[in-house]
């Protein structure tokens, strides 16, 4: 569910942060840029993990007072695997679907009605989604009838 991924990026340190130690300024900028952002084909970034592994000397761009550094660093990323089962708690149930909380991390997962297990129905009086399979046409009864015919 959570993975560590290594990222290489050019991080800009603004001019007002140049008085800070370089790593501190870079960590602050990485912490502002990446958390709560989805990286394509990677996942949702949670936070930076540890310190920068590699940092180049800063370079200045004309017309920009900041310094730009190539950084190699690791991020904690939420990336559920295909068909991974996550345990959650139902927070809210409406005819449109249910809102689920996944522990202390995600509180706003929404499962729409068309993704509900069939045959699920919304019970207006209870205000809940109810799974109500039809057990009247049970295949086991047909097998019992076949056994009687053989005798």
C-alpha atoms as a PDB file:
ATOM      1  CA  UNK A   1       0.000   0.000   0.000  1.00  0.00           C
ATOM      2  CA  UNK A   2       2.817   2.421   0.867  1.00  0.00           C
ATOM      3  CA  UNK A   3       6.054   2.394  -1.093  1.00  0.00           C
ATOM      4  CA  UNK A   4       9.291   4.358  -1.149  1.00  0.00           C
ATOM      5  CA  UNK A   5      10.169   5.901  -4.475  1.00  0.00           C
ATOM      6  CA  UNK A   6      13.309   7.753  -5.516  1.00  0.00           C
ATOM      7  CA  UNK A   7      12.866  11.063  -7.321  1.00  0.00           C
ATOM      8  CA  UNK A   8      15.320  13.336  -9.124  1.00  0.00           C
ATOM      9  CA  UNK A   9      14.160  16.923  -9.489  1.00  0.00           C
ATOM     10  CA  UNK A  10      15.522  20.427  -9.890  1.00  0.00           C
ATOM     11  CA  UNK A  11      14.509  22.268  -6.724  1.00  0.00           C
ATOM     12  CA  UNK A  12      14.497  26.067  -6.582  1.00  0.00           C
ATOM     13  CA  UNK A  13      15.552  27.700  -3.312  1.00  0.00           C
ATOM     14  CA  UNK A  14      14.119  31.245  -3.170  1.00  0.00           C
ATOM     15  CA  UNK A  15      16.433  34.165  -2.416  1.00  0.00           C
ATOM     16  CA  UNK A  16      15.015  34.783   1.065  1.00  0.00           C
ATOM     17  CA  UNK A  17      15.992  31.212   2.095  1.00  0.00           C
ATOM     18  CA  UNK A  18      19.617  31.375   0.921  1.00  0.00           C
ATOM     19  CA  UNK A  19      20.765  32.289   4.460  1.00  0.00           C
ATOM     20  CA  UNK A  20      19.599  28.852   5.694  1.00  0.00           C
ATOM     21  CA  UNK A  21      21.772  25.752   5.350  1.00  0.00           C
ATOM     22  CA  UNK A  22      21.330  24.341   1.839  1.00  0.00           C
ATOM     23  CA  UNK A  23      19.832  20.993   2.943  1.00  0.00           C
ATOM     24  CA  UNK A  24      17.352  22.694   5.288  1.00  0.00           C
ATOM     25  CA  UNK A  25      16.189  25.032   2.520  1.00  0.00           C
ATOM     26  CA  UNK A  26      15.909  22.140   0.039  1.00  0.00           C
ATOM     27  CA  UNK A  27      13.952  19.998   2.520  1.00  0.00           C
ATOM     28  CA  UNK A  28      11.543  22.886   3.141  1.00  0.00           C
ATOM     29  CA  UNK A  29      10.968  23.337  -0.594  1.00  0.00           C
ATOM     30  CA  UNK A  30      10.501  19.594  -1.211  1.00  0.00           C
ATOM     31  CA  UNK A  31       8.068  19.434   1.721  1.00  0.00           C
ATOM     32  CA  UNK A  32       6.056  22.283   0.166  1.00  0.00           C
ATOM     33  CA  UNK A  33       6.061  20.898  -3.377  1.00  0.00           C
ATOM     34  CA  UNK A  34       5.385  17.163  -3.129  1.00  0.00           C
ATOM     35  CA  UNK A  35       3.068  16.061  -0.278  1.00  0.00           C
ATOM     36  CA  UNK A  36      -0.608  15.613  -1.157  1.00  0.00           C
ATOM     37  CA  UNK A  37       0.201  15.507  -4.872  1.00  0.00           C
ATOM     38  CA  UNK A  38      -0.306  12.639  -7.313  1.00  0.00           C
ATOM     39  CA  UNK A  39       2.730  11.646  -9.377  1.00  0.00           C
ATOM     40  CA  UNK A  40       1.645   9.977 -12.619  1.00  0.00           C
ATOM     41  CA  UNK A  41       2.326   6.211 -12.644  1.00  0.00           C
ATOM     42  CA  UNK A  42       3.702   6.451  -9.085  1.00  0.00           C
ATOM     43  CA  UNK A  43       0.905   7.364  -6.649  1.00  0.00           C
ATOM     44  CA  UNK A  44      -0.134   9.906  -4.018  1.00  0.00           C
ATOM     45  CA  UNK A  45       2.850  11.431  -2.210  1.00  0.00           C
ATOM     46  CA  UNK A  46       2.549  11.361   1.569  1.00  0.00           C
ATOM     47  CA  UNK A  47       5.867  12.900   2.654  1.00  0.00           C
ATOM     48  CA  UNK A  48       9.619  13.088   2.105  1.00  0.00           C
ATOM     49  CA  UNK A  49      11.580  10.175   3.579  1.00  0.00           C
ATOM     50  CA  UNK A  50      14.930  11.108   5.081  1.00  0.00           C
ATOM     51  CA  UNK A  51      17.439  13.545   3.705  1.00  0.00           C
ATOM     52  CA  UNK A  52      18.461  14.267   0.130  1.00  0.00           C
ATOM     53  CA  UNK A  53      20.807  11.558  -1.120  1.00  0.00           C
ATOM     54  CA  UNK A  54      22.532  13.706  -3.729  1.00  0.00           C
ATOM     55  CA  UNK A  55      22.592  17.478  -4.210  1.00  0.00           C
ATOM     56  CA  UNK A  56      24.438  19.392  -6.921  1.00  0.00           C
ATOM     57  CA  UNK A  57      25.876  22.869  -6.525  1.00  0.00           C
ATOM     58  CA  UNK A  58      23.298  25.565  -7.027  1.00  0.00           C
ATOM     59  CA  UNK A  59      23.044  27.377 -10.320  1.00  0.00           C
ATOM     60  CA  UNK A  60      21.537  30.788 -10.911  1.00  0.00           C
ATOM     61  CA  UNK A  61      19.173  31.608 -13.735  1.00  0.00           C
ATOM     62  CA  UNK A  62      19.249  35.162 -15.149  1.00  0.00           C
ATOM     63  CA  UNK A  63      16.363  37.213 -13.798  1.00  0.00           C
ATOM     64  CA  UNK A  64      15.770  34.810 -10.885  1.00  0.00           C
ATOM     65  CA  UNK A  65      17.224  35.495  -7.435  1.00  0.00           C
ATOM     66  CA  UNK A  66      17.011  31.884  -6.276  1.00  0.00           C
ATOM     67  CA  UNK A  67      19.390  28.989  -6.715  1.00  0.00           C
ATOM     68  CA  UNK A  68      18.479  25.770  -8.528  1.00  0.00           C
ATOM     69  CA  UNK A  69      19.786  22.395  -7.304  1.00  0.00           C
ATOM     70  CA  UNK A  70      19.478  18.918  -8.816  1.00  0.00           C
ATOM     71  CA  UNK A  71      18.367  16.716  -5.916  1.00  0.00           C
ATOM     72  CA  UNK A  72      17.969  12.978  -5.455  1.00  0.00           C
ATOM     73  CA  UNK A  73      15.555  12.134  -2.624  1.00  0.00           C
ATOM     74  CA  UNK A  74      12.996   9.550  -1.532  1.00  0.00           C
ATOM     75  CA  UNK A  75       9.263   9.953  -0.987  1.00  0.00           C
ATOM     76  CA  UNK A  76       6.665   7.866   0.829  1.00  0.00           C
ATOM     77  CA  UNK A  77       3.889   7.195  -1.694  1.00  0.00           C
ATOM     78  CA  UNK A  78       0.418   5.696  -1.262  1.00  0.00           C
ATOM     79  CA  UNK A  79       0.037   3.222  -4.105  1.00  0.00           C
ATOM     80  CA  UNK A  80      -2.452   0.414  -3.570  1.00  0.00           C
ATOM     81  CA  UNK A  81      -1.734  -2.693  -5.598  1.00  0.00           C
ATOM     82  CA  UNK A  82      -4.233  -4.028  -8.136  1.00  0.00           C
ATOM     83  CA  UNK A  83      -6.973  -5.988  -6.325  1.00  0.00           C
ATOM     84  CA  UNK A  84      -5.558  -5.031  -2.918  1.00  0.00           C
ATOM     85  CA  UNK A  85      -8.213  -5.169  -0.207  1.00  0.00           C
ATOM     86  CA  UNK A  86      -8.292  -2.183   2.152  1.00  0.00           C
ATOM     87  CA  UNK A  87     -10.211  -2.263   5.431  1.00  0.00           C
ATOM     88  CA  UNK A  88     -12.304   0.827   6.088  1.00  0.00           C
ATOM     89  CA  UNK A  89     -15.113   2.223   8.198  1.00  0.00           C
ATOM     90  CA  UNK A  90     -18.326   3.574   6.675  1.00  0.00           C
ATOM     91  CA  UNK A  91     -18.659   7.242   7.576  1.00  0.00           C
ATOM     92  CA  UNK A  92     -21.743   8.164   5.523  1.00  0.00           C
ATOM     93  CA  UNK A  93     -24.264   6.297   3.408  1.00  0.00           C
ATOM     94  CA  UNK A  94     -26.441   7.983   0.764  1.00  0.00           C
ATOM     95  CA  UNK A  95     -28.379   6.779  -2.298  1.00  0.00           C
ATOM     96  CA  UNK A  96     -25.439   7.996  -4.428  1.00  0.00           C
ATOM     97  CA  UNK A  97     -22.943   5.741  -2.586  1.00  0.00           C
ATOM     98  CA  UNK A  98     -20.929   5.436   0.615  1.00  0.00           C
ATOM     99  CA  UNK A  99     -18.102   7.476   2.118  1.00  0.00           C
ATOM    100  CA  UNK A 100     -15.382   5.360   3.739  1.00  0.00           C
ATOM    101  CA  UNK A 101     -12.543   6.224   6.115  1.00  0.00           C
ATOM    102  CA  UNK A 102      -9.319   4.224   5.775  1.00  0.00           C
ATOM    103  CA  UNK A 103      -7.885   4.593   9.281  1.00  0.00           C
ATOM    104  CA  UNK A 104      -6.216   7.867  10.177  1.00  0.00           C
ATOM    105  CA  UNK A 105      -4.969   8.502   6.664  1.00  0.00           C
ATOM    106  CA  UNK A 106      -7.914   8.875   4.256  1.00  0.00           C
ATOM    107  CA  UNK A 107     -11.326  10.074   5.408  1.00  0.00           C
ATOM    108  CA  UNK A 108     -12.899  10.934   2.071  1.00  0.00           C
ATOM    109  CA  UNK A 109     -12.916   7.765  -0.034  1.00  0.00           C
ATOM    110  CA  UNK A 110     -16.203   7.694  -1.973  1.00  0.00           C
ATOM    111  CA  UNK A 111     -17.607   4.480  -3.457  1.00  0.00           C
ATOM    112  CA  UNK A 112     -20.388   5.277  -5.954  1.00  0.00           C
ATOM    113  CA  UNK A 113     -23.582   3.221  -6.138  1.00  0.00           C
ATOM    114  CA  UNK A 114     -22.646   1.611  -9.467  1.00  0.00           C
ATOM    115  CA  UNK A 115     -19.574   0.008  -7.812  1.00  0.00           C
ATOM    116  CA  UNK A 116     -21.628  -1.675  -5.084  1.00  0.00           C
ATOM    117  CA  UNK A 117     -21.692  -5.456  -4.997  1.00  0.00           C
ATOM    118  CA  UNK A 118     -24.763  -6.743  -6.870  1.00  0.00           C
ATOM    119  CA  UNK A 119     -27.564  -7.100  -5.763  1.00  0.00           C
ATOM    120  CA  UNK A 120     -27.147  -4.176  -3.345  1.00  0.00           C
ATOM    121  CA  UNK A 121     -29.980  -1.779  -2.654  1.00  0.00           C
ATOM    122  CA  UNK A 122     -30.233   1.430  -0.667  1.00  0.00           C
ATOM    123  CA  UNK A 123     -32.701   1.044   2.212  1.00  0.00           C
ATOM    124  CA  UNK A 124     -34.379   4.426   2.700  1.00  0.00           C
ATOM    125  CA  UNK A 125     -35.698   3.645   6.204  1.00  0.00           C
ATOM    126  CA  UNK A 126     -32.329   2.468   7.548  1.00  0.00           C
ATOM    127  CA  UNK A 127     -30.324   4.925   5.455  1.00  0.00           C
ATOM    128  CA  UNK A 128     -27.878   2.134   4.597  1.00  0.00           C
ATOM    129  CA  UNK A 129     -26.809   0.036   1.643  1.00  0.00           C
ATOM    130  CA  UNK A 130     -27.982  -3.555   2.049  1.00  0.00           C
ATOM    131  CA  UNK A 131     -26.731  -6.563   0.123  1.00  0.00           C
ATOM    132  CA  UNK A 132     -29.726  -8.817  -0.477  1.00  0.00           C
ATOM    133  CA  UNK A 133     -28.926 -11.881  -2.599  1.00  0.00           C
ATOM    134  CA  UNK A 134     -31.775 -14.093  -3.818  1.00  0.00           C
ATOM    135  CA  UNK A 135     -31.296 -17.510  -2.239  1.00  0.00           C
ATOM    136  CA  UNK A 136     -34.536 -18.861  -3.755  1.00  0.00           C
ATOM    137  CA  UNK A 137     -32.758 -20.194  -6.852  1.00  0.00           C
ATOM    138  CA  UNK A 138     -30.016 -22.079  -5.030  1.00  0.00           C
ATOM    139  CA  UNK A 139     -27.902 -24.406  -7.213  1.00  0.00           C
ATOM    140  CA  UNK A 140     -27.502 -26.919  -4.348  1.00  0.00           C
ATOM    141  CA  UNK A 141     -31.212 -27.815  -4.538  1.00  0.00           C
ATOM    142  CA  UNK A 142     -30.815 -28.770  -8.211  1.00  0.00           C
ATOM    143  CA  UNK A 143     -27.926 -31.107  -7.327  1.00  0.00           C
ATOM    144  CA  UNK A 144     -30.074 -32.824  -4.673  1.00  0.00           C
ATOM    145  CA  UNK A 145     -32.826 -33.397  -7.257  1.00  0.00           C
ATOM    146  CA  UNK A 146     -30.288 -35.038  -9.604  1.00  0.00           C
ATOM    147  CA  UNK A 147     -29.209 -37.440  -6.838  1.00  0.00           C
ATOM    148  CA  UNK A 148     -32.822 -38.574  -6.285  1.00  0.00           C
ATOM    149  CA  UNK A 149     -33.285 -39.256 -10.020  1.00  0.00           C
ATOM    150  CA  UNK A 150     -30.264 -41.591 -10.031  1.00  0.00           C
ATOM    151  CA  UNK A 151     -31.725 -43.848  -7.307  1.00  0.00           C
END
